Each structure stands twice: as structure tokens, then as C-alpha cells.
Amino acid sequence: MLTGAAHRPEPTEWTFRAVVSAHMVAIAGQPVFAGVYLTGDFDGLRWHAVGADVVTSIGYLQMIAAIVVWVRLRRAWPFLATTAVVAAETVQYLAGMDGALWLHIPLGVMTVAALAVQFIAVWRRPLPRRPRARREARDA
């Protein structure tokens, strides 16, 4: 809980916000590209595949940033939420490559929704550094 002065985000928090934001922008394009393909423009499928590579790559970068947030700011929830999103994205990516649309489409919808919730949480909830536990402080 913050006391006194307002929270000033550290570079770690800004970096995590930036990566989550880039991830959100990239994933928002995926349903658009799929829709272009479904309307008969076959280039949409190529764009959807390229977008999948971009979204997955940014997801892994977000995982690294979330680990840094956990280590530096002692906040685990960004890592746990990112791990869930990236795991779902990876399964969804593989289902798309395999043509398992029965899994690919609903998991894609859930992944976009989960990342949107995480995006909102990252921008609304500050990530101040947690103080060390008393035992750690005593042992230091």
C-alpha cells in the first residue's frame, strides 16, 4: 500500500507496460487478418501467420519482462498472468498450424480477452517495489 507521496513508476514498470501494450496491439490485429481471409482475400491468411509469429515473439519478450518485474519489484502476479497467456498462445499457435480450428478459434478469443484484462491491470494498478520480508532484512 502506498503511503504519503504518489507512486512514481520505475523503468522496470514502464518497460513491462510497453511490452504488454505492444503485445495487445499485435494480438488485436489477429482477428482482423483472419476475417480478411474468411471474406475471400487469401493474403489475409499470410498476414495472420506473420501476425502469429509477431504475437508469439512479443509474448516471450513479455515473459522475460515479467521475470524482471518479479525479481526487481518483487511482484509475482505479472509473471503468473503472463505465463498463463503465453501458454494459451503457444497452444493456440500450434492448433492453428495443425488446422485444429475447433481449438484455435475459441482459444484465440480467450487469449485476446485475457491479454486485454492484463493490459488494463498493468495500466491501472501500480507496481511499487515490495519491501523485503523481515527475515531477509534481518539476515542481510
C-alpha atoms as a PDB file:
ATOM      1  CA  MET A   1       0.000   0.000   0.000  1.00  0.00           C
ATOM      2  CA  LEU A   2       1.269   3.458  -0.881  1.00  0.00           C
ATOM      3  CA  THR A   3       1.754   5.968   1.883  1.00  0.00           C
ATOM      4  CA  GLY A   4       2.327   9.678   1.512  1.00  0.00           C
ATOM      5  CA  ALA A   5       3.758  10.508  -1.897  1.00  0.00           C
ATOM      6  CA  ALA A   6       2.246   9.283  -5.127  1.00  0.00           C
ATOM      7  CA  HIS A   7       3.759   6.245  -6.794  1.00  0.00           C
ATOM      8  CA  ARG A   8       6.332   7.026  -9.490  1.00  0.00           C
ATOM      9  CA  PRO A   9       6.766   4.101 -11.865  1.00  0.00           C
ATOM     10  CA  GLU A  10      10.280   2.740 -12.186  1.00  0.00           C
ATOM     11  CA  PRO A  11      11.848   1.948 -15.578  1.00  0.00           C
ATOM     12  CA  THR A  12      11.070  -1.731 -14.940  1.00  0.00           C
ATOM     13  CA  GLU A  13       7.362  -0.947 -14.652  1.00  0.00           C
ATOM     14  CA  TRP A  14       7.391   1.290 -17.752  1.00  0.00           C
ATOM     15  CA  THR A  15       9.186  -1.384 -19.743  1.00  0.00           C
ATOM     16  CA  PHE A  16       6.666  -4.027 -18.719  1.00  0.00           C
ATOM     17  CA  ARG A  17       3.791  -1.713 -19.609  1.00  0.00           C
ATOM     18  CA  ALA A  18       5.350  -1.028 -23.018  1.00  0.00           C
ATOM     19  CA  VAL A  19       5.782  -4.731 -23.799  1.00  0.00           C
ATOM     20  CA  VAL A  20       2.234  -5.573 -22.681  1.00  0.00           C
ATOM     21  CA  SER A  21       0.935  -2.684 -24.810  1.00  0.00           C
ATOM     22  CA  ALA A  22       2.849  -3.856 -27.896  1.00  0.00           C
ATOM     23  CA  HIS A  23       1.553  -7.377 -27.260  1.00  0.00           C
ATOM     24  CA  MET A  24      -2.024  -6.061 -27.056  1.00  0.00           C
ATOM     25  CA  VAL A  25      -1.700  -4.107 -30.326  1.00  0.00           C
ATOM     26  CA  ALA A  26      -0.234  -7.124 -32.113  1.00  0.00           C
ATOM     27  CA  ILE A  27      -2.859  -9.564 -30.873  1.00  0.00           C
ATOM     28  CA  ALA A  28      -5.713  -7.175 -31.750  1.00  0.00           C
ATOM     29  CA  GLY A  29      -4.746  -7.495 -35.412  1.00  0.00           C
ATOM     30  CA  GLN A  30      -5.077 -11.263 -35.487  1.00  0.00           C
ATOM     31  CA  PRO A  31      -8.902 -11.454 -35.694  1.00  0.00           C
ATOM     32  CA  VAL A  32      -8.801  -8.753 -38.375  1.00  0.00           C
ATOM     33  CA  PHE A  33      -6.392 -10.752 -40.535  1.00  0.00           C
ATOM     34  CA  ALA A  34      -8.443 -13.909 -40.006  1.00  0.00           C
ATOM     35  CA  GLY A  35     -11.572 -12.024 -41.020  1.00  0.00           C
ATOM     36  CA  VAL A  36      -9.881 -10.721 -44.179  1.00  0.00           C
ATOM     37  CA  TYR A  37      -9.032 -14.301 -45.094  1.00  0.00           C
ATOM     38  CA  LEU A  38     -12.558 -15.531 -44.350  1.00  0.00           C
ATOM     39  CA  THR A  39     -14.012 -12.885 -46.684  1.00  0.00           C
ATOM     40  CA  GLY A  40     -12.092 -14.433 -49.562  1.00  0.00           C
ATOM     41  CA  ASP A  41      -8.815 -12.492 -49.614  1.00  0.00           C
ATOM     42  CA  PHE A  42      -6.241 -15.258 -49.336  1.00  0.00           C
ATOM     43  CA  ASP A  43      -3.451 -12.799 -48.455  1.00  0.00           C
ATOM     44  CA  GLY A  44      -5.214 -12.468 -45.108  1.00  0.00           C
ATOM     45  CA  LEU A  45      -4.030 -15.948 -44.168  1.00  0.00           C
ATOM     46  CA  ARG A  46      -0.407 -14.974 -44.837  1.00  0.00           C
ATOM     47  CA  TRP A  47      -0.838 -11.841 -42.710  1.00  0.00           C
ATOM     48  CA  HIS A  48      -2.480 -13.929 -39.978  1.00  0.00           C
ATOM     49  CA  ALA A  49       0.503 -16.311 -39.974  1.00  0.00           C
ATOM     50  CA  VAL A  50       3.023 -13.446 -39.827  1.00  0.00           C
ATOM     51  CA  GLY A  51       0.955 -11.849 -37.062  1.00  0.00           C
ATOM     52  CA  ALA A  52       1.020 -15.102 -35.127  1.00  0.00           C
ATOM     53  CA  ASP A  53       4.806 -15.106 -35.244  1.00  0.00           C
ATOM     54  CA  VAL A  54       4.921 -11.485 -34.050  1.00  0.00           C
ATOM     55  CA  VAL A  55       2.382 -12.049 -31.253  1.00  0.00           C
ATOM     56  CA  THR A  56       4.200 -15.155 -30.034  1.00  0.00           C
ATOM     57  CA  SER A  57       7.580 -13.408 -30.077  1.00  0.00           C
ATOM     58  CA  ILE A  58       6.260 -10.434 -28.124  1.00  0.00           C
ATOM     59  CA  GLY A  59       4.660 -12.866 -25.674  1.00  0.00           C
ATOM     60  CA  TYR A  60       8.040 -14.419 -24.951  1.00  0.00           C
ATOM     61  CA  LEU A  61       9.561 -10.937 -24.525  1.00  0.00           C
ATOM     62  CA  GLN A  62       6.751 -10.181 -22.094  1.00  0.00           C
ATOM     63  CA  MET A  63       7.680 -13.318 -20.173  1.00  0.00           C
ATOM     64  CA  ILE A  64      11.246 -12.024 -19.796  1.00  0.00           C
ATOM     65  CA  ALA A  65       9.984  -8.598 -18.716  1.00  0.00           C
ATOM     66  CA  ALA A  66       7.649 -10.239 -16.187  1.00  0.00           C
ATOM     67  CA  ILE A  67      10.581 -12.152 -14.691  1.00  0.00           C
ATOM     68  CA  VAL A  68      12.438  -8.850 -14.311  1.00  0.00           C
ATOM     69  CA  VAL A  69       9.370  -7.326 -12.604  1.00  0.00           C
ATOM     70  CA  TRP A  70       9.264 -10.292 -10.225  1.00  0.00           C
ATOM     71  CA  VAL A  71      12.962 -10.070  -9.376  1.00  0.00           C
ATOM     72  CA  ARG A  72      13.316  -6.280  -9.172  1.00  0.00           C
ATOM     73  CA  LEU A  73       9.895  -5.229  -7.861  1.00  0.00           C
ATOM     74  CA  ARG A  74       9.017  -8.455  -6.026  1.00  0.00           C
ATOM     75  CA  ARG A  75       5.649  -8.714  -7.785  1.00  0.00           C
ATOM     76  CA  ALA A  76       4.707 -12.228  -8.882  1.00  0.00           C
ATOM     77  CA  TRP A  77       1.249 -11.628 -10.405  1.00  0.00           C
ATOM     78  CA  PRO A  78       2.577 -10.186 -13.702  1.00  0.00           C
ATOM     79  CA  PHE A  79       4.690 -13.321 -14.186  1.00  0.00           C
ATOM     80  CA  LEU A  80       1.832 -15.677 -13.324  1.00  0.00           C
ATOM     81  CA  ALA A  81      -0.624 -13.855 -15.612  1.00  0.00           C
ATOM     82  CA  THR A  82       1.924 -13.689 -18.428  1.00  0.00           C
ATOM     83  CA  THR A  83       2.725 -17.380 -18.082  1.00  0.00           C
ATOM     84  CA  ALA A  84      -0.962 -18.250 -18.457  1.00  0.00           C
ATOM     85  CA  VAL A  85      -1.381 -16.008 -21.517  1.00  0.00           C
ATOM     86  CA  VAL A  86       1.808 -17.240 -23.195  1.00  0.00           C
ATOM     87  CA  ALA A  87       0.939 -20.892 -22.534  1.00  0.00           C
ATOM     88  CA  ALA A  88      -2.514 -20.390 -24.071  1.00  0.00           C
ATOM     89  CA  GLU A  89      -0.972 -18.504 -27.008  1.00  0.00           C
ATOM     90  CA  THR A  90       1.515 -21.276 -27.646  1.00  0.00           C
ATOM     91  CA  VAL A  91      -1.184 -23.964 -27.656  1.00  0.00           C
ATOM     92  CA  GLN A  92      -3.348 -21.728 -29.832  1.00  0.00           C
ATOM     93  CA  TYR A  93      -0.455 -21.139 -32.264  1.00  0.00           C
ATOM     94  CA  LEU A  94       0.214 -24.870 -32.574  1.00  0.00           C
ATOM     95  CA  ALA A  95      -3.503 -25.623 -33.026  1.00  0.00           C
ATOM     96  CA  GLY A  96      -3.625 -23.083 -35.866  1.00  0.00           C
ATOM     97  CA  MET A  97      -0.572 -24.602 -37.540  1.00  0.00           C
ATOM     98  CA  ASP A  98      -2.211 -28.024 -37.270  1.00  0.00           C
ATOM     99  CA  GLY A  99      -5.531 -26.755 -38.647  1.00  0.00           C
ATOM    100  CA  ALA A 100      -7.425 -27.625 -35.457  1.00  0.00           C
ATOM    101  CA  LEU A 101      -9.850 -24.717 -35.766  1.00  0.00           C
ATOM    102  CA  TRP A 102     -12.165 -26.218 -33.118  1.00  0.00           C
ATOM    103  CA  LEU A 103      -9.406 -25.322 -30.608  1.00  0.00           C
ATOM    104  CA  HIS A 104      -7.632 -22.472 -32.405  1.00  0.00           C
ATOM    105  CA  ILE A 105     -10.608 -20.099 -32.639  1.00  0.00           C
ATOM    106  CA  PRO A 106     -12.069 -20.326 -29.106  1.00  0.00           C
ATOM    107  CA  LEU A 107      -8.609 -20.306 -27.522  1.00  0.00           C
ATOM    108  CA  GLY A 108      -7.745 -17.263 -29.634  1.00  0.00           C
ATOM    109  CA  VAL A 109     -10.801 -15.422 -28.325  1.00  0.00           C
ATOM    110  CA  MET A 110      -9.909 -16.316 -24.735  1.00  0.00           C
ATOM    111  CA  THR A 111      -6.291 -15.264 -25.246  1.00  0.00           C
ATOM    112  CA  VAL A 112      -7.261 -11.855 -26.624  1.00  0.00           C
ATOM    113  CA  ALA A 113      -9.645 -11.348 -23.693  1.00  0.00           C
ATOM    114  CA  ALA A 114      -7.049 -12.427 -21.113  1.00  0.00           C
ATOM    115  CA  LEU A 115      -4.422 -10.117 -22.557  1.00  0.00           C
ATOM    116  CA  ALA A 116      -6.912  -7.233 -22.614  1.00  0.00           C
ATOM    117  CA  VAL A 117      -7.589  -7.778 -18.901  1.00  0.00           C
ATOM    118  CA  GLN A 118      -3.862  -7.887 -18.201  1.00  0.00           C
ATOM    119  CA  PHE A 119      -3.318  -4.702 -20.252  1.00  0.00           C
ATOM    120  CA  ILE A 120      -5.949  -2.877 -18.171  1.00  0.00           C
ATOM    121  CA  ALA A 121      -4.496  -4.189 -14.901  1.00  0.00           C
ATOM    122  CA  VAL A 122      -0.955  -3.144 -15.802  1.00  0.00           C
ATOM    123  CA  TRP A 123      -2.025   0.406 -16.583  1.00  0.00           C
ATOM    124  CA  ARG A 124      -4.478   0.791 -13.661  1.00  0.00           C
ATOM    125  CA  ARG A 125      -2.559  -0.969 -10.888  1.00  0.00           C
ATOM    126  CA  PRO A 126       0.822   0.461  -9.867  1.00  0.00           C
ATOM    127  CA  LEU A 127       3.687  -1.945  -9.307  1.00  0.00           C
ATOM    128  CA  PRO A 128       5.650  -0.389  -6.441  1.00  0.00           C
ATOM    129  CA  ARG A 129       8.582  -2.348  -5.128  1.00  0.00           C
ATOM    130  CA  ARG A 130       7.601  -4.528  -2.185  1.00  0.00           C
ATOM    131  CA  PRO A 131       9.806  -4.267   0.862  1.00  0.00           C
ATOM    132  CA  ARG A 132      11.873  -7.285   1.750  1.00  0.00           C
ATOM    133  CA  ALA A 133      10.494  -9.661   4.324  1.00  0.00           C
ATOM    134  CA  ARG A 134      11.663  -9.069   7.893  1.00  0.00           C
ATOM    135  CA  ARG A 135      13.629 -12.310   7.938  1.00  0.00           C
ATOM    136  CA  GLU A 136      15.515 -11.330   4.754  1.00  0.00           C
ATOM    137  CA  ALA A 137      16.247  -7.881   6.168  1.00  0.00           C
ATOM    138  CA  ARG A 138      17.465  -9.398   9.453  1.00  0.00           C
ATOM    139  CA  ASP A 139      19.732 -11.897   7.645  1.00  0.00           C
ATOM    140  CA  ALA A 140      21.291  -9.218   5.409  1.00  0.00           C
END
